[in-house]
Amino acid sequence: MLRGVNKQIVEVNQTNSPYFEKIYFIVKPGFCNYSFEQLESEAEKLASDIGITKPKNHKRRLFLFALTGVIAGALAALLLMALL
């Protein structure tokens, strides 16, 4: 149960856990003036320390997959040209 109206809370939505949907971090009063980015970073570090992390950046994986496809296509085209 949360009491008090002026509590600042950082919510982590993506936990990668089959058991937990969200994590709520209640910010200590002395740190409420910190930027959201600083508080979010600390929340992510703490979640990572207990084994609950945000999903990895899929954009990089997609880029590498596309790059591999382009290279494979180019090699296949060169092979076909060499055979003809």
N, C-alpha and C. Protein backbone atom coordinates (compact mmCIF):
# COMPACT_ATOMS: atom_id res chain seq x y z
N MET A 1 0.84 -1.18 0.00
CA MET A 1 0.00 0.00 0.00
C MET A 1 0.88 1.24 0.00
N LEU A 2 0.59 2.17 -0.91
CA LEU A 2 1.34 3.41 -0.98
C LEU A 2 0.59 4.51 -0.25
N ARG A 3 1.31 5.23 0.56
CA ARG A 3 0.70 6.36 1.24
C ARG A 3 1.43 7.62 0.84
N GLY A 4 0.72 8.72 0.85
CA GLY A 4 1.33 9.99 0.49
C GLY A 4 1.07 10.32 -0.96
N VAL A 5 0.80 11.58 -1.20
CA VAL A 5 0.46 12.02 -2.54
C VAL A 5 1.70 12.46 -3.30
N ASN A 6 2.72 12.89 -2.61
CA ASN A 6 3.88 13.48 -3.27
C ASN A 6 5.06 12.52 -3.38
N LYS A 7 4.79 11.25 -3.64
CA LYS A 7 5.85 10.29 -3.87
C LYS A 7 6.14 10.23 -5.36
N GLN A 8 7.42 10.18 -5.71
CA GLN A 8 7.80 10.04 -7.11
C GLN A 8 8.12 8.57 -7.36
N ILE A 9 7.53 8.03 -8.43
CA ILE A 9 7.67 6.61 -8.73
C ILE A 9 8.22 6.44 -10.14
N VAL A 10 9.19 5.53 -10.29
CA VAL A 10 9.72 5.15 -11.60
C VAL A 10 9.18 3.75 -11.88
N GLU A 11 8.56 3.59 -13.05
CA GLU A 11 7.95 2.32 -13.42
C GLU A 11 8.75 1.67 -14.54
N VAL A 12 9.09 0.40 -14.36
CA VAL A 12 9.75 -0.38 -15.39
C VAL A 12 8.70 -1.33 -15.95
N ASN A 13 8.36 -1.16 -17.23
CA ASN A 13 7.28 -1.94 -17.84
C ASN A 13 7.74 -3.26 -18.42
N GLN A 14 8.92 -3.31 -18.97
CA GLN A 14 9.40 -4.51 -19.65
C GLN A 14 10.38 -5.24 -18.75
N THR A 15 9.94 -6.33 -18.17
CA THR A 15 10.77 -7.03 -17.20
C THR A 15 11.43 -8.28 -17.74
N ASN A 16 10.98 -8.80 -18.86
CA ASN A 16 11.48 -10.08 -19.40
C ASN A 16 11.34 -11.21 -18.39
N SER A 17 10.38 -11.10 -17.52
CA SER A 17 10.14 -12.13 -16.51
C SER A 17 8.78 -12.76 -16.74
N PRO A 18 8.70 -14.08 -16.65
CA PRO A 18 7.39 -14.71 -16.79
C PRO A 18 6.50 -14.47 -15.58
N TYR A 19 7.07 -14.00 -14.49
CA TYR A 19 6.32 -13.82 -13.25
C TYR A 19 5.87 -12.39 -13.00
N PHE A 20 6.67 -11.41 -13.45
CA PHE A 20 6.40 -10.02 -13.10
C PHE A 20 6.16 -9.19 -14.35
N GLU A 21 5.08 -8.43 -14.33
CA GLU A 21 4.73 -7.57 -15.46
C GLU A 21 5.40 -6.21 -15.36
N LYS A 22 5.43 -5.64 -14.16
CA LYS A 22 5.99 -4.30 -13.96
C LYS A 22 6.74 -4.26 -12.64
N ILE A 23 7.66 -3.29 -12.54
CA ILE A 23 8.37 -3.02 -11.29
C ILE A 23 8.18 -1.53 -10.99
N TYR A 24 7.88 -1.22 -9.76
CA TYR A 24 7.74 0.17 -9.33
C TYR A 24 8.84 0.50 -8.33
N PHE A 25 9.57 1.57 -8.60
CA PHE A 25 10.61 2.06 -7.69
C PHE A 25 10.11 3.37 -7.09
N ILE A 26 10.08 3.45 -5.78
CA ILE A 26 9.69 4.69 -5.10
C ILE A 26 10.96 5.45 -4.78
N VAL A 27 11.04 6.67 -5.30
CA VAL A 27 12.24 7.49 -5.19
C VAL A 27 12.31 8.11 -3.79
N LYS A 28 13.50 8.04 -3.19
CA LYS A 28 13.71 8.67 -1.89
C LYS A 28 13.53 10.18 -2.02
N PRO A 29 13.01 10.82 -0.99
CA PRO A 29 12.73 12.27 -1.07
C PRO A 29 13.94 13.12 -1.45
N GLY A 30 15.13 12.74 -1.04
CA GLY A 30 16.31 13.53 -1.35
C GLY A 30 16.73 13.48 -2.81
N PHE A 31 16.17 12.55 -3.58
CA PHE A 31 16.56 12.37 -4.97
C PHE A 31 15.45 12.73 -5.96
N CYS A 32 14.37 13.30 -5.48
CA CYS A 32 13.24 13.65 -6.35
C CYS A 32 13.58 14.73 -7.37
N ASN A 33 14.63 15.51 -7.11
CA ASN A 33 15.01 16.58 -8.04
C ASN A 33 15.92 16.10 -9.17
N TYR A 34 16.30 14.84 -9.14
CA TYR A 34 17.14 14.30 -10.20
C TYR A 34 16.32 14.20 -11.48
N SER A 35 17.00 14.19 -12.62
CA SER A 35 16.30 14.08 -13.90
C SER A 35 15.71 12.69 -14.05
N PHE A 36 14.69 12.59 -14.88
CA PHE A 36 14.06 11.30 -15.12
C PHE A 36 15.05 10.31 -15.70
N GLU A 37 15.93 10.79 -16.57
CA GLU A 37 16.91 9.90 -17.20
C GLU A 37 17.84 9.28 -16.16
N GLN A 38 18.27 10.09 -15.16
CA GLN A 38 19.14 9.56 -14.11
C GLN A 38 18.41 8.51 -13.28
N LEU A 39 17.16 8.82 -12.92
CA LEU A 39 16.39 7.89 -12.10
C LEU A 39 16.08 6.61 -12.88
N GLU A 40 15.76 6.75 -14.16
CA GLU A 40 15.47 5.59 -14.99
C GLU A 40 16.72 4.71 -15.13
N SER A 41 17.87 5.35 -15.30
CA SER A 41 19.12 4.61 -15.43
C SER A 41 19.40 3.81 -14.15
N GLU A 42 19.21 4.42 -13.01
CA GLU A 42 19.43 3.73 -11.74
C GLU A 42 18.43 2.58 -11.57
N ALA A 43 17.18 2.80 -11.98
CA ALA A 43 16.17 1.75 -11.87
C ALA A 43 16.54 0.57 -12.76
N GLU A 44 17.04 0.85 -13.96
CA GLU A 44 17.45 -0.22 -14.87
C GLU A 44 18.65 -0.99 -14.32
N LYS A 45 19.60 -0.26 -13.70
CA LYS A 45 20.76 -0.92 -13.10
C LYS A 45 20.32 -1.87 -11.99
N LEU A 46 19.41 -1.40 -11.14
CA LEU A 46 18.95 -2.22 -10.03
C LEU A 46 18.18 -3.43 -10.54
N ALA A 47 17.33 -3.23 -11.53
CA ALA A 47 16.58 -4.35 -12.11
C ALA A 47 17.53 -5.35 -12.74
N SER A 48 18.58 -4.86 -13.38
CA SER A 48 19.58 -5.75 -13.98
C SER A 48 20.33 -6.54 -12.92
N ASP A 49 20.62 -5.89 -11.79
CA ASP A 49 21.33 -6.57 -10.71
C ASP A 49 20.54 -7.74 -10.15
N ILE A 50 19.21 -7.64 -10.18
CA ILE A 50 18.40 -8.74 -9.65
C ILE A 50 17.95 -9.69 -10.77
N GLY A 51 18.46 -9.47 -11.98
CA GLY A 51 18.20 -10.39 -13.06
C GLY A 51 16.98 -10.08 -13.91
N ILE A 52 16.44 -8.90 -13.79
CA ILE A 52 15.29 -8.49 -14.59
C ILE A 52 15.73 -7.32 -15.44
N THR A 53 15.78 -7.51 -16.76
CA THR A 53 16.30 -6.47 -17.63
C THR A 53 15.34 -6.14 -18.75
N LYS A 54 15.55 -5.00 -19.35
CA LYS A 54 14.79 -4.60 -20.52
C LYS A 54 15.28 -5.39 -21.72
N PRO A 55 14.42 -5.60 -22.70
CA PRO A 55 14.87 -6.31 -23.90
C PRO A 55 16.00 -5.55 -24.59
N LYS A 56 16.87 -6.29 -25.27
CA LYS A 56 17.97 -5.67 -25.98
C LYS A 56 17.44 -4.88 -27.17
N ASN A 57 18.27 -3.99 -27.65
CA ASN A 57 17.89 -3.16 -28.80
C ASN A 57 17.80 -4.03 -30.05
N HIS A 58 16.60 -4.15 -30.58
CA HIS A 58 16.38 -5.00 -31.75
C HIS A 58 16.77 -4.31 -33.05
N LYS A 59 16.95 -3.00 -33.04
CA LYS A 59 17.33 -2.29 -34.26
C LYS A 59 18.70 -2.75 -34.75
N ARG A 60 19.63 -2.93 -33.85
CA ARG A 60 20.97 -3.37 -34.24
C ARG A 60 20.92 -4.77 -34.82
N ARG A 61 20.16 -5.65 -34.18
CA ARG A 61 20.03 -7.02 -34.66
C ARG A 61 19.40 -7.04 -36.05
N LEU A 62 18.38 -6.21 -36.27
CA LEU A 62 17.73 -6.13 -37.57
C LEU A 62 18.69 -5.61 -38.63
N PHE A 63 19.50 -4.61 -38.27
CA PHE A 63 20.49 -4.06 -39.19
C PHE A 63 21.50 -5.14 -39.60
N LEU A 64 22.00 -5.89 -38.62
CA LEU A 64 22.98 -6.93 -38.92
C LEU A 64 22.36 -8.04 -39.78
N PHE A 65 21.10 -8.37 -39.51
CA PHE A 65 20.41 -9.38 -40.32
C PHE A 65 20.26 -8.90 -41.76
N ALA A 66 19.88 -7.63 -41.94
CA ALA A 66 19.72 -7.07 -43.29
C ALA A 66 21.07 -7.00 -44.00
N LEU A 67 22.10 -6.59 -43.30
CA LEU A 67 23.43 -6.51 -43.88
C LEU A 67 23.92 -7.89 -44.33
N THR A 68 23.68 -8.89 -43.51
CA THR A 68 24.05 -10.26 -43.87
C THR A 68 23.31 -10.70 -45.13
N GLY A 69 22.04 -10.35 -45.22
CA GLY A 69 21.25 -10.69 -46.40
C GLY A 69 21.77 -10.03 -47.66
N VAL A 70 22.15 -8.77 -47.55
CA VAL A 70 22.70 -8.04 -48.70
C VAL A 70 24.01 -8.66 -49.16
N ILE A 71 24.87 -8.97 -48.21
CA ILE A 71 26.16 -9.58 -48.55
C ILE A 71 25.96 -10.95 -49.19
N ALA A 72 25.06 -11.75 -48.62
CA ALA A 72 24.79 -13.08 -49.19
C ALA A 72 24.23 -12.95 -50.60
N GLY A 73 23.34 -12.00 -50.83
CA GLY A 73 22.78 -11.78 -52.17
C GLY A 73 23.85 -11.36 -53.16
N ALA A 74 24.74 -10.49 -52.74
CA ALA A 74 25.82 -10.04 -53.62
C ALA A 74 26.76 -11.19 -53.96
N LEU A 75 27.07 -12.02 -52.99
CA LEU A 75 27.94 -13.17 -53.25
C LEU A 75 27.26 -14.17 -54.18
N ALA A 76 25.98 -14.38 -54.01
CA ALA A 76 25.25 -15.29 -54.90
C ALA A 76 25.24 -14.74 -56.33
N ALA A 77 25.05 -13.43 -56.47
CA ALA A 77 25.06 -12.82 -57.80
C ALA A 77 26.43 -12.95 -58.45
N LEU A 78 27.50 -12.73 -57.70
CA LEU A 78 28.85 -12.90 -58.24
C LEU A 78 29.11 -14.34 -58.65
N LEU A 79 28.64 -15.28 -57.86
CA LEU A 79 28.83 -16.69 -58.18
C LEU A 79 28.10 -17.05 -59.48
N LEU A 80 26.88 -16.56 -59.63
CA LEU A 80 26.13 -16.82 -60.85
C LEU A 80 26.79 -16.20 -62.06
N MET A 81 27.31 -14.99 -61.90
CA MET A 81 27.98 -14.33 -63.01
C MET A 81 29.26 -15.08 -63.41
N ALA A 82 29.95 -15.63 -62.42
CA ALA A 82 31.19 -16.37 -62.69
C ALA A 82 30.90 -17.69 -63.40
N LEU A 83 29.76 -18.28 -63.12
CA LEU A 83 29.41 -19.56 -63.74
C LEU A 83 28.93 -19.38 -65.18
N LEU A 84 28.42 -18.23 -65.52
CA LEU A 84 27.90 -18.00 -66.87
C LEU A 84 28.99 -17.56 -67.75
